C-alpha atoms as a PDB file:
ATOM      1  CA  UNK A   1      82.716  85.300  99.245  1.00  0.00           C
ATOM      2  CA  UNK A   2      85.162  84.277 101.973  1.00  0.00           C
ATOM      3  CA  UNK A   3      88.871  85.000 101.571  1.00  0.00           C
ATOM      4  CA  UNK A   4      91.345  83.444 103.993  1.00  0.00           C
ATOM      5  CA  UNK A   5      94.740  85.116 104.495  1.00  0.00           C
ATOM      6  CA  UNK A   6      97.446  83.453 106.565  1.00  0.00           C
ATOM      7  CA  UNK A   7     101.134  83.858 107.225  1.00  0.00           C
ATOM      8  CA  UNK A   8     103.724  84.214 109.933  1.00  0.00           C
ATOM      9  CA  UNK A   9     104.328  87.206 112.144  1.00  0.00           C
ATOM     10  CA  UNK A  10     105.180  90.326 110.124  1.00  0.00           C
ATOM     11  CA  UNK A  11     104.594  88.472 106.849  1.00  0.00           C
ATOM     12  CA  UNK A  12     102.398  91.258 105.436  1.00  0.00           C
ATOM     13  CA  UNK A  13      99.107  89.412 105.865  1.00  0.00           C
ATOM     14  CA  UNK A  14      97.179  92.296 107.468  1.00  0.00           C
ATOM     15  CA  UNK A  15      98.310  94.785 104.837  1.00  0.00           C
ATOM     16  CA  UNK A  16      97.407  92.326 102.056  1.00  0.00           C
ATOM     17  CA  UNK A  17      93.977  91.725 103.624  1.00  0.00           C
ATOM     18  CA  UNK A  18      93.338  95.463 104.018  1.00  0.00           C
ATOM     19  CA  UNK A  19      94.286  96.097 100.386  1.00  0.00           C
ATOM     20  CA  UNK A  20      92.075  93.218  99.268  1.00  0.00           C
ATOM     21  CA  UNK A  21      89.101  94.545 101.263  1.00  0.00           C
ATOM     22  CA  UNK A  22      89.636  98.102 100.004  1.00  0.00           C
ATOM     23  CA  UNK A  23      89.653  96.893  96.380  1.00  0.00           C
ATOM     24  CA  UNK A  24      86.011  95.870  96.810  1.00  0.00           C
ATOM     25  CA  UNK A  25      85.104  99.558  96.588  1.00  0.00           C
ATOM     26  CA  UNK A  26      82.457  99.003  99.270  1.00  0.00           C
ATOM     27  CA  UNK A  27      82.192 100.203 102.840  1.00  0.00           C
ATOM     28  CA  UNK A  28      84.255  98.019 105.159  1.00  0.00           C
ATOM     29  CA  UNK A  29      83.778  96.883 108.730  1.00  0.00           C
ATOM     30  CA  UNK A  30      87.060  96.014 110.411  1.00  0.00           C
ATOM     31  CA  UNK A  31      86.335  93.387 113.062  1.00  0.00           C
ATOM     32  CA  UNK A  32      89.194  93.472 115.565  1.00  0.00           C
ATOM     33  CA  UNK A  33      89.736  90.665 118.066  1.00  0.00           C
ATOM     34  CA  UNK A  34      92.770  92.050 119.920  1.00  0.00           C
ATOM     35  CA  UNK A  35      92.608  92.963 123.574  1.00  0.00           C
ATOM     36  CA  UNK A  36      94.929  95.586 125.039  1.00  0.00           C
ATOM     37  CA  UNK A  37      96.308  94.049 128.219  1.00  0.00           C
ATOM     38  CA  UNK A  38      99.499  96.143 128.254  1.00  0.00           C
ATOM     39  CA  UNK A  39     101.042  99.313 126.800  1.00  0.00           C
ATOM     40  CA  UNK A  40     102.812  97.492 123.971  1.00  0.00           C
ATOM     41  CA  UNK A  41      99.543  95.947 122.775  1.00  0.00           C
ATOM     42  CA  UNK A  42      97.754  99.293 123.078  1.00  0.00           C
ATOM     43  CA  UNK A  43     100.433 100.766 120.792  1.00  0.00           C
ATOM     44  CA  UNK A  44     100.008  97.940 118.262  1.00  0.00           C
ATOM     45  CA  UNK A  45      96.249  98.416 118.207  1.00  0.00           C
ATOM     46  CA  UNK A  46      96.649 102.182 117.752  1.00  0.00           C
ATOM     47  CA  UNK A  47      99.109 101.626 114.895  1.00  0.00           C
ATOM     48  CA  UNK A  48      96.659  99.256 113.182  1.00  0.00           C
ATOM     49  CA  UNK A  49      93.863 101.831 113.613  1.00  0.00           C
ATOM     50  CA  UNK A  50      96.039 104.567 112.127  1.00  0.00           C
ATOM     51  CA  UNK A  51      96.880 102.385 109.113  1.00  0.00           C
ATOM     52  CA  UNK A  52      93.215 101.818 108.228  1.00  0.00           C
ATOM     53  CA  UNK A  53      91.168 104.253 106.148  1.00  0.00           C
ATOM     54  CA  UNK A  54      89.285 106.640 108.448  1.00  0.00           C
ATOM     55  CA  UNK A  55      85.977 105.877 106.711  1.00  0.00           C
ATOM     56  CA  UNK A  56      86.088 102.195 107.699  1.00  0.00           C
ATOM     57  CA  UNK A  57      83.843 101.097 110.535  1.00  0.00           C
ATOM     58  CA  UNK A  58      85.518  99.354 113.446  1.00  0.00           C
ATOM     59  CA  UNK A  59      83.942  96.691 115.627  1.00  0.00           C
ATOM     60  CA  UNK A  60      85.946  95.274 118.506  1.00  0.00           C
ATOM     61  CA  UNK A  61      84.909  91.828 119.713  1.00  0.00           C
ATOM     62  CA  UNK A  62      87.321  89.406 121.370  1.00  0.00           C
ATOM     63  CA  UNK A  63      84.978  86.405 121.745  1.00  0.00           C
ATOM     64  CA  UNK A  64      81.647  86.393 119.877  1.00  0.00           C
ATOM     65  CA  UNK A  65      82.890  87.150 116.383  1.00  0.00           C
ATOM     66  CA  UNK A  66      79.964  85.375 114.719  1.00  0.00           C
ATOM     67  CA  UNK A  67      77.493  87.774 116.306  1.00  0.00           C
ATOM     68  CA  UNK A  68      79.736  90.743 115.497  1.00  0.00           C
ATOM     69  CA  UNK A  69      79.817  89.575 111.860  1.00  0.00           C
ATOM     70  CA  UNK A  70      76.022  89.323 111.839  1.00  0.00           C
ATOM     71  CA  UNK A  71      75.806  92.871 113.246  1.00  0.00           C
ATOM     72  CA  UNK A  72      78.112  94.347 110.581  1.00  0.00           C
ATOM     73  CA  UNK A  73      76.139  96.512 108.182  1.00  0.00           C
ATOM     74  CA  UNK A  74      78.746  97.005 105.466  1.00  0.00           C
ATOM     75  CA  UNK A  75      79.095  94.841 102.333  1.00  0.00           C
ATOM     76  CA  UNK A  76      82.728  94.021 103.181  1.00  0.00           C
ATOM     77  CA  UNK A  77      84.006  92.610 106.456  1.00  0.00           C
ATOM     78  CA  UNK A  78      87.657  92.231 107.433  1.00  0.00           C
ATOM     79  CA  UNK A  79      88.299  90.091 110.525  1.00  0.00           C
ATOM     80  CA  UNK A  80      91.786  90.543 111.968  1.00  0.00           C
ATOM     81  CA  UNK A  81      92.522  88.104 113.397  1.00  0.00           C
ATOM     82  CA  UNK A  82      91.519  84.507 114.019  1.00  0.00           C
ATOM     83  CA  UNK A  83      94.793  83.934 115.896  1.00  0.00           C
ATOM     84  CA  UNK A  84      93.946  86.350 118.683  1.00  0.00           C
ATOM     85  CA  UNK A  85      90.331  85.171 118.700  1.00  0.00           C
ATOM     86  CA  UNK A  86      91.426  81.571 119.339  1.00  0.00           C
ATOM     87  CA  UNK A  87      93.837  82.804 122.023  1.00  0.00           C
ATOM     88  CA  UNK A  88      91.012  84.753 123.664  1.00  0.00           C
ATOM     89  CA  UNK A  89      88.757  81.679 123.624  1.00  0.00           C
ATOM     90  CA  UNK A  90      91.496  79.434 124.986  1.00  0.00           C
ATOM     91  CA  UNK A  91      92.281  81.841 127.834  1.00  0.00           C
ATOM     92  CA  UNK A  92      88.537  82.103 128.572  1.00  0.00           C
ATOM     93  CA  UNK A  93      88.554  78.353 129.172  1.00  0.00           C
ATOM     94  CA  UNK A  94      86.771  77.255 125.996  1.00  0.00           C
ATOM     95  CA  UNK A  95      87.586  73.671 124.963  1.00  0.00           C
ATOM     96  CA  UNK A  96      88.657  73.024 121.390  1.00  0.00           C
ATOM     97  CA  UNK A  97      85.365  71.413 120.373  1.00  0.00           C
ATOM     98  CA  UNK A  98      83.540  74.632 121.334  1.00  0.00           C
ATOM     99  CA  UNK A  99      86.108  76.683 119.391  1.00  0.00           C
ATOM    100  CA  UNK A 100      85.410  74.579 116.316  1.00  0.00           C
ATOM    101  CA  UNK A 101      81.649  74.970 116.828  1.00  0.00           C
ATOM    102  CA  UNK A 102      82.176  78.745 117.145  1.00  0.00           C
ATOM    103  CA  UNK A 103      84.182  78.626 113.908  1.00  0.00           C
ATOM    104  CA  UNK A 104      81.298  76.869 112.159  1.00  0.00           C
ATOM    105  CA  UNK A 105      78.946  79.533 113.554  1.00  0.00           C
ATOM    106  CA  UNK A 106      81.241  82.266 112.225  1.00  0.00           C
ATOM    107  CA  UNK A 107      81.373  80.679 108.771  1.00  0.00           C
ATOM    108  CA  UNK A 108      77.571  80.350 108.716  1.00  0.00           C
ATOM    109  CA  UNK A 109      77.261  84.014 109.731  1.00  0.00           C
ATOM    110  CA  UNK A 110      79.600  85.057 106.921  1.00  0.00           C
ATOM    111  CA  UNK A 111      77.727  83.006 104.327  1.00  0.00           C
ATOM    112  CA  UNK A 112      74.438  84.413 105.623  1.00  0.00           C
ATOM    113  CA  UNK A 113      75.518  88.024 105.370  1.00  0.00           C
ATOM    114  CA  UNK A 114      76.744  87.791 101.781  1.00  0.00           C
ATOM    115  CA  UNK A 115      79.274  90.260 100.448  1.00  0.00           C
ATOM    116  CA  UNK A 116      83.006  89.899 100.895  1.00  0.00           C
ATOM    117  CA  UNK A 117      84.582  88.604 104.096  1.00  0.00           C
ATOM    118  CA  UNK A 118      88.363  88.598 104.508  1.00  0.00           C
ATOM    119  CA  UNK A 119      89.730  86.611 107.468  1.00  0.00           C
ATOM    120  CA  UNK A 120      93.310  86.945 108.693  1.00  0.00           C
ATOM    121  CA  UNK A 121      95.150  84.322 110.734  1.00  0.00           C
ATOM    122  CA  UNK A 122      98.659  83.366 111.726  1.00  0.00           C
ATOM    123  CA  UNK A 123     100.270  80.176 110.507  1.00  0.00           C
ATOM    124  CA  UNK A 124     101.726  78.741 113.709  1.00  0.00           C
ATOM    125  CA  UNK A 125     102.416  75.173 112.642  1.00  0.00           C
ATOM    126  CA  UNK A 126     105.704  75.661 110.827  1.00  0.00           C
ATOM    127  CA  UNK A 127     107.967  75.999 113.857  1.00  0.00           C
ATOM    128  CA  UNK A 128     109.169  73.733 116.601  1.00  0.00           C
ATOM    129  CA  UNK A 129     106.813  71.856 118.896  1.00  0.00           C
ATOM    130  CA  UNK A 130     106.079  74.200 121.816  1.00  0.00           C
ATOM    131  CA  UNK A 131     107.554  73.180 125.161  1.00  0.00           C
ATOM    132  CA  UNK A 132     104.423  73.615 127.268  1.00  0.00           C
ATOM    133  CA  UNK A 133     100.877  72.290 127.256  1.00  0.00           C
ATOM    134  CA  UNK A 134      99.132  75.663 126.852  1.00  0.00           C
ATOM    135  CA  UNK A 135     101.223  76.615 123.813  1.00  0.00           C
ATOM    136  CA  UNK A 136     100.666  73.170 122.261  1.00  0.00           C
ATOM    137  CA  UNK A 137      96.912  73.428 122.879  1.00  0.00           C
ATOM    138  CA  UNK A 138      96.908  76.864 121.218  1.00  0.00           C
ATOM    139  CA  UNK A 139      98.907  75.683 118.206  1.00  0.00           C
ATOM    140  CA  UNK A 140      96.649  72.656 117.766  1.00  0.00           C
ATOM    141  CA  UNK A 141      93.378  74.580 118.168  1.00  0.00           C
ATOM    142  CA  UNK A 142      94.439  77.379 115.823  1.00  0.00           C
ATOM    143  CA  UNK A 143      95.678  74.844 113.284  1.00  0.00           C
ATOM    144  CA  UNK A 144      92.294  73.138 113.259  1.00  0.00           C
ATOM    145  CA  UNK A 145      90.397  76.449 113.095  1.00  0.00           C
ATOM    146  CA  UNK A 146      92.624  77.545 110.201  1.00  0.00           C
ATOM    147  CA  UNK A 147      91.986  74.264 108.362  1.00  0.00           C
ATOM    148  CA  UNK A 148      88.239  74.674 108.767  1.00  0.00           C
ATOM    149  CA  UNK A 149      88.255  78.283 107.559  1.00  0.00           C
ATOM    150  CA  UNK A 150      90.582  77.547 104.636  1.00  0.00           C
ATOM    151  CA  UNK A 151      88.390  74.627 103.541  1.00  0.00           C
ATOM    152  CA  UNK A 152      85.291  76.848 103.595  1.00  0.00           C
ATOM    153  CA  UNK A 153      86.958  79.775 101.851  1.00  0.00           C
ATOM    154  CA  UNK A 154      86.548  80.700  98.215  1.00  0.00           C
ATOM    155  CA  UNK A 155      90.106  82.005  98.041  1.00  0.00           C
ATOM    156  CA  UNK A 156      93.104  81.400 100.298  1.00  0.00           C
ATOM    157  CA  UNK A 157      96.495  83.110 100.445  1.00  0.00           C
ATOM    158  CA  UNK A 158      99.705  82.484 102.362  1.00  0.00           C
ATOM    159  CA  UNK A 159     101.953  85.515 102.857  1.00  0.00           C
ATOM    160  CA  UNK A 160     105.700  84.941 103.010  1.00  0.00           C
ATOM    161  CA  UNK A 161     108.071  87.915 103.314  1.00  0.00           C
ATOM    162  CA  UNK A 162     105.362  90.231 102.024  1.00  0.00           C
ATOM    163  CA  UNK A 163     104.623  88.086  98.994  1.00  0.00           C
ATOM    164  CA  UNK A 164     101.200  86.455  98.582  1.00  0.00           C
ATOM    165  CA  UNK A 165     101.045  82.865  97.438  1.00  0.00           C
ATOM    166  CA  UNK A 166      97.566  81.922  96.236  1.00  0.00           C
ATOM    167  CA  UNK A 167      96.579  78.555  97.675  1.00  0.00           C
ATOM    168  CA  UNK A 168      92.988  78.387  96.500  1.00  0.00           C
ATOM    169  CA  UNK A 169      90.676  80.251  94.177  1.00  0.00           C
ATOM    170  CA  UNK A 170      90.470  81.517  90.627  1.00  0.00           C
ATOM    171  CA  UNK A 171      93.715  81.561  88.709  1.00  0.00           C
END
């Protein structure tokens, strides 16, 4: 089962996704895509690590998340987050069509592994049109990746001010 969780910055999406994954009662692999390029990001990553249960397995992979998902040996996988993954791919020079192919590969890997997969992403399409080409390319690519993942998901949630709105799935 694939669960997609989206929302704005500080909307509560990571906490919701972690709670959802923990409710499975199974061992969890936390697949982190963040890269620590500065002290502030190192602090954020450390805070996220401290918030997770110590028994969870952590895999850090900024680019090849499909292979990292295939390598996960726990029944539950939590990928946090697609937003940073797309940013990493964009900054590595990947064109959008390759990002979408990588997204399809990730979704195939998740379906192939079975179990529960919870994917977190930012909703970046609700604000103003960015004023530069790189930011617009990022917004567009992430929007298309999010659409593809949401369409393939069994359940989808949007977090607003800490409150989950179910977009798709059982009622």
